């Protein structure tokens, strides 16, 4: 069985661990998106993930996003089931600040 991430658009970045002891992989946006105050937007990853039948991918927000960037993963934890492949998984973010927030491609 093949496991792993698959690019489904040319702007996607295959996730990597930032350091040897990172708990997970860093996922990047494959598009630039501006989110207005109190707005919720889906942010494209440009990725699909192939998992085993009994596996799940969990998306967690960076702990610094709410304070430093003014955004939060609105559902706290995104769950990607093994049968979601080959569809793209996305992050659902809310701007909790009073100013527009831009997530740039590659962030």
PDB file of N, CA and C in Angstrom:
ATOM      1  N   UNK A   1       0.855  -1.192   0.000  1.00  0.00           N
ATOM      2  CA  UNK A   1       0.000   0.000   0.000  1.00  0.00           C
ATOM      3  C   UNK A   1       0.887   1.237   0.000  1.00  0.00           C
ATOM      4  N   UNK A   2       0.541   2.187  -0.825  1.00  0.00           N
ATOM      5  CA  UNK A   2       1.255   3.461  -0.872  1.00  0.00           C
ATOM      6  C   UNK A   2       0.610   4.418   0.113  1.00  0.00           C
ATOM      7  N   UNK A   3       1.433   5.047   0.948  1.00  0.00           N
ATOM      8  CA  UNK A   3       0.947   6.073   1.861  1.00  0.00           C
ATOM      9  C   UNK A   3       1.671   7.360   1.547  1.00  0.00           C
ATOM     10  N   UNK A   4       0.991   8.455   1.731  1.00  0.00           N
ATOM     11  CA  UNK A   4       1.687   9.714   1.588  1.00  0.00           C
ATOM     12  C   UNK A   4       0.865  10.801   0.948  1.00  0.00           C
ATOM     13  N   UNK A   5       1.517  11.939   0.812  1.00  0.00           N
ATOM     14  CA  UNK A   5       0.881  13.114   0.240  1.00  0.00           C
ATOM     15  C   UNK A   5       1.072  13.133  -1.259  1.00  0.00           C
ATOM     16  N   UNK A   6       0.049  13.628  -1.958  1.00  0.00           N
ATOM     17  CA  UNK A   6       0.110  13.756  -3.414  1.00  0.00           C
ATOM     18  C   UNK A   6      -0.283  15.180  -3.781  1.00  0.00           C
ATOM     19  N   UNK A   7       0.561  15.826  -4.594  1.00  0.00           N
ATOM     20  CA  UNK A   7       0.221  17.162  -5.103  1.00  0.00           C
ATOM     21  C   UNK A   7      -0.917  17.020  -6.110  1.00  0.00           C
ATOM     22  N   UNK A   8      -1.936  17.847  -5.945  1.00  0.00           N
ATOM     23  CA  UNK A   8      -3.012  17.852  -6.935  1.00  0.00           C
ATOM     24  C   UNK A   8      -3.107  19.201  -7.649  1.00  0.00           C
ATOM     25  N   UNK A   9      -2.217  20.120  -7.286  1.00  0.00           N
ATOM     26  CA  UNK A   9      -2.023  21.318  -8.111  1.00  0.00           C
ATOM     27  C   UNK A   9      -0.557  21.740  -8.023  1.00  0.00           C
ATOM     28  N   UNK A  10      -0.122  22.503  -8.995  1.00  0.00           N
ATOM     29  CA  UNK A  10       1.308  22.840  -9.134  1.00  0.00           C
ATOM     30  C   UNK A  10       1.838  23.741  -8.028  1.00  0.00           C
ATOM     31  N   UNK A  11       0.957  24.403  -7.278  1.00  0.00           N
ATOM     32  CA  UNK A  11       1.390  25.297  -6.211  1.00  0.00           C
ATOM     33  C   UNK A  11       1.557  24.607  -4.859  1.00  0.00           C
ATOM     34  N   UNK A  12       1.239  23.334  -4.796  1.00  0.00           N
ATOM     35  CA  UNK A  12       1.312  22.591  -3.535  1.00  0.00           C
ATOM     36  C   UNK A  12       2.763  22.333  -3.138  1.00  0.00           C
ATOM     37  N   UNK A  13       2.970  22.192  -1.848  1.00  0.00           N
ATOM     38  CA  UNK A  13       4.272  21.841  -1.292  1.00  0.00           C
ATOM     39  C   UNK A  13       4.114  20.548  -0.503  1.00  0.00           C
ATOM     40  N   UNK A  14       4.929  19.545  -0.829  1.00  0.00           N
ATOM     41  CA  UNK A  14       4.870  18.293  -0.079  1.00  0.00           C
ATOM     42  C   UNK A  14       5.334  18.583   1.353  1.00  0.00           C
ATOM     43  N   UNK A  15       4.522  18.236   2.358  1.00  0.00           N
ATOM     44  CA  UNK A  15       4.856  18.541   3.746  1.00  0.00           C
ATOM     45  C   UNK A  15       6.114  17.821   4.232  1.00  0.00           C
ATOM     46  N   UNK A  16       6.832  18.504   5.109  1.00  0.00           N
ATOM     47  CA  UNK A  16       8.019  17.947   5.760  1.00  0.00           C
ATOM     48  C   UNK A  16       7.977  18.317   7.231  1.00  0.00           C
ATOM     49  N   UNK A  17       8.736  17.584   8.022  1.00  0.00           N
ATOM     50  CA  UNK A  17       8.901  17.939   9.435  1.00  0.00           C
ATOM     51  C   UNK A  17       9.946  19.049   9.504  1.00  0.00           C
ATOM     52  N   UNK A  18       9.675  20.091  10.276  1.00  0.00           N
ATOM     53  CA  UNK A  18      10.580  21.244  10.353  1.00  0.00           C
ATOM     54  C   UNK A  18      11.895  20.907  11.052  1.00  0.00           C
ATOM     55  N   UNK A  19      11.830  20.025  12.028  1.00  0.00           N
ATOM     56  CA  UNK A  19      13.032  19.605  12.748  1.00  0.00           C
ATOM     57  C   UNK A  19      12.980  18.095  12.960  1.00  0.00           C
ATOM     58  N   UNK A  20      14.072  17.534  13.402  1.00  0.00           N
ATOM     59  CA  UNK A  20      14.163  16.088  13.625  1.00  0.00           C
ATOM     60  C   UNK A  20      13.117  15.589  14.626  1.00  0.00           C
ATOM     61  N   UNK A  21      12.790  16.408  15.607  1.00  0.00           N
ATOM     62  CA  UNK A  21      11.862  15.983  16.659  1.00  0.00           C
ATOM     63  C   UNK A  21      10.483  16.635  16.549  1.00  0.00           C
ATOM     64  N   UNK A  22      10.147  17.181  15.411  1.00  0.00           N
ATOM     65  CA  UNK A  22       8.816  17.764  15.211  1.00  0.00           C
ATOM     66  C   UNK A  22       7.740  16.706  15.407  1.00  0.00           C
ATOM     67  N   UNK A  23       6.651  17.095  16.049  1.00  0.00           N
ATOM     68  CA  UNK A  23       5.548  16.167  16.297  1.00  0.00           C
ATOM     69  C   UNK A  23       4.767  15.854  15.034  1.00  0.00           C
ATOM     70  N   UNK A  24       4.800  16.744  14.068  1.00  0.00           N
ATOM     71  CA  UNK A  24       4.022  16.536  12.852  1.00  0.00           C
ATOM     72  C   UNK A  24       4.644  17.241  11.674  1.00  0.00           C
ATOM     73  N   UNK A  25       3.895  17.301  10.604  1.00  0.00           N
ATOM     74  CA  UNK A  25       4.342  17.909   9.351  1.00  0.00           C
ATOM     75  C   UNK A  25       3.773  19.313   9.228  1.00  0.00           C
ATOM     76  N   UNK A  26       4.536  20.220   8.632  1.00  0.00           N
ATOM     77  CA  UNK A  26       4.039  21.558   8.346  1.00  0.00           C
ATOM     78  C   UNK A  26       3.317  21.539   7.009  1.00  0.00           C
ATOM     79  N   UNK A  27       2.064  21.983   7.012  1.00  0.00           N
ATOM     80  CA  UNK A  27       1.237  22.044   5.803  1.00  0.00           C
ATOM     81  C   UNK A  27       1.198  23.502   5.347  1.00  0.00           C
ATOM     82  N   UNK A  28       1.372  23.732   4.045  1.00  0.00           N
ATOM     83  CA  UNK A  28       1.399  25.091   3.493  1.00  0.00           C
ATOM     84  C   UNK A  28       0.166  25.372   2.642  1.00  0.00           C
ATOM     85  N   UNK A  29      -0.172  26.642   2.560  1.00  0.00           N
ATOM     86  CA  UNK A  29      -1.235  27.080   1.654  1.00  0.00           C
ATOM     87  C   UNK A  29      -0.721  27.019   0.220  1.00  0.00           C
ATOM     88  N   UNK A  30      -1.575  26.594  -0.695  1.00  0.00           N
ATOM     89  CA  UNK A  30      -1.180  26.551  -2.108  1.00  0.00           C
ATOM     90  C   UNK A  30      -1.733  27.741  -2.882  1.00  0.00           C
ATOM     91  N   UNK A  31      -2.331  28.681  -2.148  1.00  0.00           N
ATOM     92  CA  UNK A  31      -2.889  29.892  -2.755  1.00  0.00           C
ATOM     93  C   UNK A  31      -2.775  31.022  -1.753  1.00  0.00           C
ATOM     94  N   UNK A  32      -2.839  32.233  -2.232  1.00  0.00           N
ATOM     95  CA  UNK A  32      -2.876  33.398  -1.352  1.00  0.00           C
ATOM     96  C   UNK A  32      -4.336  33.761  -1.118  1.00  0.00           C
ATOM     97  N   UNK A  33      -4.696  33.905   0.158  1.00  0.00           N
ATOM     98  CA  UNK A  33      -6.084  34.169   0.545  1.00  0.00           C
ATOM     99  C   UNK A  33      -6.095  35.294   1.564  1.00  0.00           C
ATOM    100  N   UNK A  34      -6.991  36.265   1.381  1.00  0.00           N
ATOM    101  CA  UNK A  34      -7.197  37.305   2.380  1.00  0.00           C
ATOM    102  C   UNK A  34      -8.530  37.040   3.064  1.00  0.00           C
ATOM    103  N   UNK A  35      -8.482  37.049   4.395  1.00  0.00           N
ATOM    104  CA  UNK A  35      -9.666  36.773   5.205  1.00  0.00           C
ATOM    105  C   UNK A  35     -10.031  38.056   5.953  1.00  0.00           C
ATOM    106  N   UNK A  36     -11.242  38.506   5.775  1.00  0.00           N
ATOM    107  CA  UNK A  36     -11.719  39.724   6.423  1.00  0.00           C
ATOM    108  C   UNK A  36     -12.068  39.433   7.887  1.00  0.00           C
ATOM    109  N   UNK A  37     -12.112  40.468   8.754  1.00  0.00           N
ATOM    110  CA  UNK A  37     -12.484  40.257  10.155  1.00  0.00           C
ATOM    111  C   UNK A  37     -13.804  39.485  10.284  1.00  0.00           C
ATOM    112  N   UNK A  38     -13.821  38.516  11.174  1.00  0.00           N
ATOM    113  CA  UNK A  38     -14.986  37.653  11.446  1.00  0.00           C
ATOM    114  C   UNK A  38     -15.374  36.748  10.281  1.00  0.00           C
ATOM    115  N   UNK A  39     -14.591  36.717   9.226  1.00  0.00           N
ATOM    116  CA  UNK A  39     -14.888  35.868   8.072  1.00  0.00           C
ATOM    117  C   UNK A  39     -14.218  34.499   8.243  1.00  0.00           C
ATOM    118  N   UNK A  40     -14.870  33.477   7.699  1.00  0.00           N
ATOM    119  CA  UNK A  40     -14.337  32.121   7.678  1.00  0.00           C
ATOM    120  C   UNK A  40     -14.071  31.759   6.223  1.00  0.00           C
ATOM    121  N   UNK A  41     -12.877  31.228   5.946  1.00  0.00           N
ATOM    122  CA  UNK A  41     -12.534  30.832   4.575  1.00  0.00           C
ATOM    123  C   UNK A  41     -11.782  29.515   4.570  1.00  0.00           C
ATOM    124  N   UNK A  42     -12.039  28.736   3.525  1.00  0.00           N
ATOM    125  CA  UNK A  42     -11.255  27.527   3.288  1.00  0.00           C
ATOM    126  C   UNK A  42      -9.971  27.927   2.584  1.00  0.00           C
ATOM    127  N   UNK A  43      -8.861  27.334   3.027  1.00  0.00           N
ATOM    128  CA  UNK A  43      -7.557  27.621   2.442  1.00  0.00           C
ATOM    129  C   UNK A  43      -7.044  26.336   1.798  1.00  0.00           C
ATOM    130  N   UNK A  44      -6.748  26.426   0.524  1.00  0.00           N
ATOM    131  CA  UNK A  44      -6.307  25.268  -0.248  1.00  0.00           C
ATOM    132  C   UNK A  44      -4.901  24.828   0.149  1.00  0.00           C
ATOM    133  N   UNK A  45      -4.718  23.511   0.243  1.00  0.00           N
ATOM    134  CA  UNK A  45      -3.381  22.945   0.452  1.00  0.00           C
ATOM    135  C   UNK A  45      -2.801  22.425  -0.856  1.00  0.00           C
ATOM    136  N   UNK A  46      -3.677  22.151  -1.827  1.00  0.00           N
ATOM    137  CA  UNK A  46      -3.230  21.557  -3.084  1.00  0.00           C
ATOM    138  C   UNK A  46      -2.799  20.114  -2.929  1.00  0.00           C
ATOM    139  N   UNK A  47      -3.198  19.490  -1.808  1.00  0.00           N
ATOM    140  CA  UNK A  47      -2.754  18.138  -1.496  1.00  0.00           C
ATOM    141  C   UNK A  47      -3.909  17.180  -1.257  1.00  0.00           C
ATOM    142  N   UNK A  48      -3.661  15.939  -1.585  1.00  0.00           N
ATOM    143  CA  UNK A  48      -4.493  14.821  -1.157  1.00  0.00           C
ATOM    144  C   UNK A  48      -3.575  13.922  -0.346  1.00  0.00           C
ATOM    145  N   UNK A  49      -4.138  13.096   0.518  1.00  0.00           N
ATOM    146  CA  UNK A  49      -3.310  12.186   1.310  1.00  0.00           C
ATOM    147  C   UNK A  49      -3.888  10.781   1.215  1.00  0.00           C
ATOM    148  N   UNK A  50      -3.001   9.843   0.924  1.00  0.00           N
ATOM    149  CA  UNK A  50      -3.396   8.443   0.848  1.00  0.00           C
ATOM    150  C   UNK A  50      -2.998   7.773   2.151  1.00  0.00           C
ATOM    151  N   UNK A  51      -3.977   7.162   2.818  1.00  0.00           N
ATOM    152  CA  UNK A  51      -3.779   6.552   4.127  1.00  0.00           C
ATOM    153  C   UNK A  51      -4.211   5.095   4.097  1.00  0.00           C
ATOM    154  N   UNK A  52      -3.806   4.355   5.121  1.00  0.00           N
ATOM    155  CA  UNK A  52      -4.308   3.000   5.298  1.00  0.00           C
ATOM    156  C   UNK A  52      -5.762   3.039   5.733  1.00  0.00           C
ATOM    157  N   UNK A  53      -6.456   1.919   5.598  1.00  0.00           N
ATOM    158  CA  UNK A  53      -7.884   1.860   5.927  1.00  0.00           C
ATOM    159  C   UNK A  53      -8.203   2.278   7.354  1.00  0.00           C
ATOM    160  N   UNK A  54      -7.298   2.027   8.280  1.00  0.00           N
ATOM    161  CA  UNK A  54      -7.547   2.329   9.683  1.00  0.00           C
ATOM    162  C   UNK A  54      -6.796   3.578  10.155  1.00  0.00           C
ATOM    163  N   UNK A  55      -6.435   4.452   9.223  1.00  0.00           N
ATOM    164  CA  UNK A  55      -5.677   5.655   9.568  1.00  0.00           C
ATOM    165  C   UNK A  55      -6.499   6.916   9.347  1.00  0.00           C
ATOM    166  N   UNK A  56      -6.057   7.998   9.981  1.00  0.00           N
ATOM    167  CA  UNK A  56      -6.699   9.302   9.863  1.00  0.00           C
ATOM    168  C   UNK A  56      -5.612  10.371   9.881  1.00  0.00           C
ATOM    169  N   UNK A  57      -5.821  11.454   9.157  1.00  0.00           N
ATOM    170  CA  UNK A  57      -4.930  12.612   9.216  1.00  0.00           C
ATOM    171  C   UNK A  57      -5.639  13.680  10.037  1.00  0.00           C
ATOM    172  N   UNK A  58      -4.917  14.276  10.973  1.00  0.00           N
ATOM    173  CA  UNK A  58      -5.487  15.332  11.807  1.00  0.00           C
ATOM    174  C   UNK A  58      -4.751  16.638  11.536  1.00  0.00           C
ATOM    175  N   UNK A  59      -5.500  17.693  11.271  1.00  0.00           N
ATOM    176  CA  UNK A  59      -4.935  19.030  11.077  1.00  0.00           C
ATOM    177  C   UNK A  59      -5.127  19.824  12.358  1.00  0.00           C
ATOM    178  N   UNK A  60      -4.011  20.286  12.923  1.00  0.00           N
ATOM    179  CA  UNK A  60      -4.041  21.120  14.117  1.00  0.00           C
ATOM    180  C   UNK A  60      -3.484  22.490  13.757  1.00  0.00           C
ATOM    181  N   UNK A  61      -4.021  23.511  14.396  1.00  0.00           N
ATOM    182  CA  UNK A  61      -3.546  24.875  14.191  1.00  0.00           C
ATOM    183  C   UNK A  61      -2.216  25.079  14.908  1.00  0.00           C
ATOM    184  N   UNK A  62      -1.386  25.949  14.352  1.00  0.00           N
ATOM    185  CA  UNK A  62      -0.172  26.368  15.068  1.00  0.00           C
ATOM    186  C   UNK A  62      -0.615  27.172  16.292  1.00  0.00           C
ATOM    187  N   UNK A  63       0.034  26.953  17.413  1.00  0.00           N
ATOM    188  CA  UNK A  63      -0.366  27.656  18.633  1.00  0.00           C
ATOM    189  C   UNK A  63      -0.170  29.160  18.534  1.00  0.00           C
ATOM    190  N   UNK A  64       0.725  29.602  17.650  1.00  0.00           N
ATOM    191  CA  UNK A  64       0.989  31.039  17.521  1.00  0.00           C
ATOM    192  C   UNK A  64       0.004  31.764  16.599  1.00  0.00           C
ATOM    193  N   UNK A  65      -0.766  31.047  15.811  1.00  0.00           N
ATOM    194  CA  UNK A  65      -1.649  31.714  14.838  1.00  0.00           C
ATOM    195  C   UNK A  65      -2.643  32.700  15.463  1.00  0.00           C
ATOM    196  N   UNK A  66      -3.369  32.347  16.507  1.00  0.00           N
ATOM    197  CA  UNK A  66      -4.341  33.314  17.042  1.00  0.00           C
ATOM    198  C   UNK A  66      -3.697  34.606  17.545  1.00  0.00           C
ATOM    199  N   UNK A  67      -2.596  34.514  18.264  1.00  0.00           N
ATOM    200  CA  UNK A  67      -1.973  35.707  18.844  1.00  0.00           C
ATOM    201  C   UNK A  67      -1.151  36.487  17.822  1.00  0.00           C
ATOM    202  N   UNK A  68      -0.307  35.787  17.072  1.00  0.00           N
ATOM    203  CA  UNK A  68       0.593  36.470  16.142  1.00  0.00           C
ATOM    204  C   UNK A  68      -0.057  36.845  14.815  1.00  0.00           C
ATOM    205  N   UNK A  69      -0.989  36.033  14.341  1.00  0.00           N
ATOM    206  CA  UNK A  69      -1.555  36.270  13.000  1.00  0.00           C
ATOM    207  C   UNK A  69      -3.010  36.706  13.032  1.00  0.00           C
ATOM    208  N   UNK A  70      -3.716  36.441  14.134  1.00  0.00           N
ATOM    209  CA  UNK A  70      -5.130  36.816  14.220  1.00  0.00           C
ATOM    210  C   UNK A  70      -6.047  35.860  13.486  1.00  0.00           C
ATOM    211  N   UNK A  71      -5.595  34.626  13.284  1.00  0.00           N
ATOM    212  CA  UNK A  71      -6.433  33.615  12.630  1.00  0.00           C
ATOM    213  C   UNK A  71      -6.445  32.351  13.485  1.00  0.00           C
ATOM    214  N   UNK A  72      -7.491  31.549  13.304  1.00  0.00           N
ATOM    215  CA  UNK A  72      -7.604  30.290  14.034  1.00  0.00           C
ATOM    216  C   UNK A  72      -8.273  29.247  13.143  1.00  0.00           C
ATOM    217  N   UNK A  73      -7.801  28.023  13.254  1.00  0.00           N
ATOM    218  CA  UNK A  73      -8.457  26.897  12.582  1.00  0.00           C
ATOM    219  C   UNK A  73      -9.809  26.745  13.258  1.00  0.00           C
ATOM    220  N   UNK A  74     -10.883  27.035  12.540  1.00  0.00           N
ATOM    221  CA  UNK A  74     -12.191  27.245  13.158  1.00  0.00           C
ATOM    222  C   UNK A  74     -12.767  25.984  13.793  1.00  0.00           C
ATOM    223  N   UNK A  75     -12.454  24.800  13.258  1.00  0.00           N
ATOM    224  CA  UNK A  75     -12.998  23.580  13.842  1.00  0.00           C
ATOM    225  C   UNK A  75     -12.024  22.926  14.821  1.00  0.00           C
ATOM    226  N   UNK A  76     -10.997  23.647  15.241  1.00  0.00           N
ATOM    227  CA  UNK A  76      -9.973  23.208  16.197  1.00  0.00           C
ATOM    228  C   UNK A  76      -9.119  22.060  15.680  1.00  0.00           C
ATOM    229  N   UNK A  77      -9.731  20.982  15.226  1.00  0.00           N
ATOM    230  CA  UNK A  77      -9.002  19.853  14.641  1.00  0.00           C
ATOM    231  C   UNK A  77      -9.736  19.437  13.374  1.00  0.00           C
ATOM    232  N   UNK A  78      -9.007  19.453  12.266  1.00  0.00           N
ATOM    233  CA  UNK A  78      -9.583  18.953  11.011  1.00  0.00           C
ATOM    234  C   UNK A  78      -9.303  17.472  10.894  1.00  0.00           C
ATOM    235  N   UNK A  79     -10.315  16.684  10.595  1.00  0.00           N
ATOM    236  CA  UNK A  79     -10.172  15.229  10.465  1.00  0.00           C
ATOM    237  C   UNK A  79     -10.308  14.852   8.997  1.00  0.00           C
ATOM    238  N   UNK A  80      -9.278  14.185   8.462  1.00  0.00           N
ATOM    239  CA  UNK A  80      -9.306  13.703   7.086  1.00  0.00           C
ATOM    240  C   UNK A  80      -9.347  12.174   7.162  1.00  0.00           C
ATOM    241  N   UNK A  81     -10.455  11.595   6.758  1.00  0.00           N
ATOM    242  CA  UNK A  81     -10.632  10.144   6.790  1.00  0.00           C
ATOM    243  C   UNK A  81      -9.864   9.473   5.663  1.00  0.00           C
ATOM    244  N   UNK A  82      -9.558   8.201   5.847  1.00  0.00           N
ATOM    245  CA  UNK A  82      -8.783   7.460   4.847  1.00  0.00           C
ATOM    246  C   UNK A  82      -9.509   7.359   3.511  1.00  0.00           C
ATOM    247  N   UNK A  83     -10.836   7.395   3.510  1.00  0.00           N
ATOM    248  CA  UNK A  83     -11.570   7.276   2.243  1.00  0.00           C
ATOM    249  C   UNK A  83     -11.789   8.626   1.544  1.00  0.00           C
ATOM    250  N   UNK A  84     -11.177   9.698   2.058  1.00  0.00           N
ATOM    251  CA  UNK A  84     -11.293  11.020   1.431  1.00  0.00           C
ATOM    252  C   UNK A  84     -10.422  11.134   0.187  1.00  0.00           C
ATOM    253  N   UNK A  85      -9.370  10.314   0.110  1.00  0.00           N
ATOM    254  CA  UNK A  85      -8.466  10.302  -1.045  1.00  0.00           C
ATOM    255  C   UNK A  85      -9.247   9.910  -2.285  1.00  0.00           C
ATOM    256  N   UNK A  86      -9.091  10.571  -3.412  1.00  0.00           N
ATOM    257  CA  UNK A  86      -8.045  11.497  -3.821  1.00  0.00           C
ATOM    258  C   UNK A  86      -8.452  12.972  -3.787  1.00  0.00           C
ATOM    259  N   UNK A  87      -9.411  13.325  -2.937  1.00  0.00           N
ATOM    260  CA  UNK A  87      -9.844  14.720  -2.875  1.00  0.00           C
ATOM    261  C   UNK A  87      -8.841  15.578  -2.101  1.00  0.00           C
ATOM    262  N   UNK A  88      -8.808  16.852  -2.438  1.00  0.00           N
ATOM    263  CA  UNK A  88      -7.930  17.797  -1.739  1.00  0.00           C
ATOM    264  C   UNK A  88      -8.467  18.066  -0.342  1.00  0.00           C
ATOM    265  N   UNK A  89      -7.568  18.086   0.649  1.00  0.00           N
ATOM    266  CA  UNK A  89      -7.976  18.532   1.977  1.00  0.00           C
ATOM    267  C   UNK A  89      -7.572  19.995   2.138  1.00  0.00           C
ATOM    268  N   UNK A  90      -8.408  20.739   2.876  1.00  0.00           N
ATOM    269  CA  UNK A  90      -8.218  22.180   3.053  1.00  0.00           C
ATOM    270  C   UNK A  90      -8.318  22.525   4.532  1.00  0.00           C
ATOM    271  N   UNK A  91      -7.805  23.706   4.884  1.00  0.00           N
ATOM    272  CA  UNK A  91      -7.950  24.224   6.240  1.00  0.00           C
ATOM    273  C   UNK A  91      -9.055  25.262   6.270  1.00  0.00           C
ATOM    274  N   UNK A  92      -9.839  25.263   7.324  1.00  0.00           N
ATOM    275  CA  UNK A  92     -10.948  26.198   7.481  1.00  0.00           C
ATOM    276  C   UNK A  92     -10.567  27.194   8.577  1.00  0.00           C
ATOM    277  N   UNK A  93     -10.234  28.427   8.162  1.00  0.00           N
ATOM    278  CA  UNK A  93      -9.713  29.427   9.090  1.00  0.00           C
ATOM    279  C   UNK A  93     -10.689  30.581   9.280  1.00  0.00           C
ATOM    280  N   UNK A  94     -10.661  31.146  10.498  1.00  0.00           N
ATOM    281  CA  UNK A  94     -11.445  32.344  10.807  1.00  0.00           C
ATOM    282  C   UNK A  94     -10.489  33.459  11.220  1.00  0.00           C
ATOM    283  N   UNK A  95     -10.772  34.649  10.710  1.00  0.00           N
ATOM    284  CA  UNK A  95     -10.032  35.842  11.119  1.00  0.00           C
ATOM    285  C   UNK A  95     -10.667  36.349  12.408  1.00  0.00           C
ATOM    286  N   UNK A  96      -9.905  36.279  13.504  1.00  0.00           N
ATOM    287  CA  UNK A  96     -10.412  36.720  14.801  1.00  0.00           C
ATOM    288  C   UNK A  96      -9.881  38.114  15.177  1.00  0.00           C
ATOM    289  N   UNK A  97      -9.226  38.767  14.215  1.00  0.00           N
ATOM    290  CA  UNK A  97      -8.696  40.110  14.465  1.00  0.00           C
ATOM    291  C   UNK A  97      -9.654  41.169  13.915  1.00  0.00           C
ATOM    292  N   UNK A  98      -9.261  42.406  14.047  1.00  0.00           N
ATOM    293  CA  UNK A  98     -10.084  43.522  13.543  1.00  0.00           C
ATOM    294  C   UNK A  98      -9.597  44.029  12.188  1.00  0.00           C
ATOM    295  N   UNK A  99      -8.576  43.386  11.630  1.00  0.00           N
ATOM    296  CA  UNK A  99      -7.989  43.779  10.344  1.00  0.00           C
ATOM    297  C   UNK A  99      -7.981  42.581   9.395  1.00  0.00           C
ATOM    298  N   UNK A 100      -7.977  42.836   8.076  1.00  0.00           N
ATOM    299  CA  UNK A 100      -7.835  41.723   7.131  1.00  0.00           C
ATOM    300  C   UNK A 100      -6.509  40.993   7.368  1.00  0.00           C
ATOM    301  N   UNK A 101      -6.525  39.677   7.203  1.00  0.00           N
ATOM    302  CA  UNK A 101      -5.328  38.856   7.358  1.00  0.00           C
ATOM    303  C   UNK A 101      -5.101  38.119   6.045  1.00  0.00           C
ATOM    304  N   UNK A 102      -3.872  38.158   5.543  1.00  0.00           N
ATOM    305  CA  UNK A 102      -3.540  37.448   4.311  1.00  0.00           C
ATOM    306  C   UNK A 102      -2.658  36.258   4.637  1.00  0.00           C
ATOM    307  N   UNK A 103      -3.073  35.106   4.126  1.00  0.00           N
ATOM    308  CA  UNK A 103      -2.266  33.891   4.182  1.00  0.00           C
ATOM    309  C   UNK A 103      -1.661  33.772   2.781  1.00  0.00           C
ATOM    310  N   UNK A 104      -0.351  33.832   2.702  1.00  0.00           N
ATOM    311  CA  UNK A 104       0.319  33.795   1.417  1.00  0.00           C
ATOM    312  C   UNK A 104       0.613  32.366   0.979  1.00  0.00           C
ATOM    313  N   UNK A 105       0.638  32.163  -0.329  1.00  0.00           N
ATOM    314  CA  UNK A 105       1.001  30.868  -0.877  1.00  0.00           C
ATOM    315  C   UNK A 105       2.347  30.465  -0.286  1.00  0.00           C
ATOM    316  N   UNK A 106       2.441  29.246   0.208  1.00  0.00           N
ATOM    317  CA  UNK A 106       3.669  28.748   0.795  1.00  0.00           C
ATOM    318  C   UNK A 106       3.750  28.895   2.301  1.00  0.00           C
ATOM    319  N   UNK A 107       2.863  29.718   2.893  1.00  0.00           N
ATOM    320  CA  UNK A 107       2.866  29.861   4.358  1.00  0.00           C
ATOM    321  C   UNK A 107       2.202  28.674   5.000  1.00  0.00           C
TER     322      UNK A 107
END
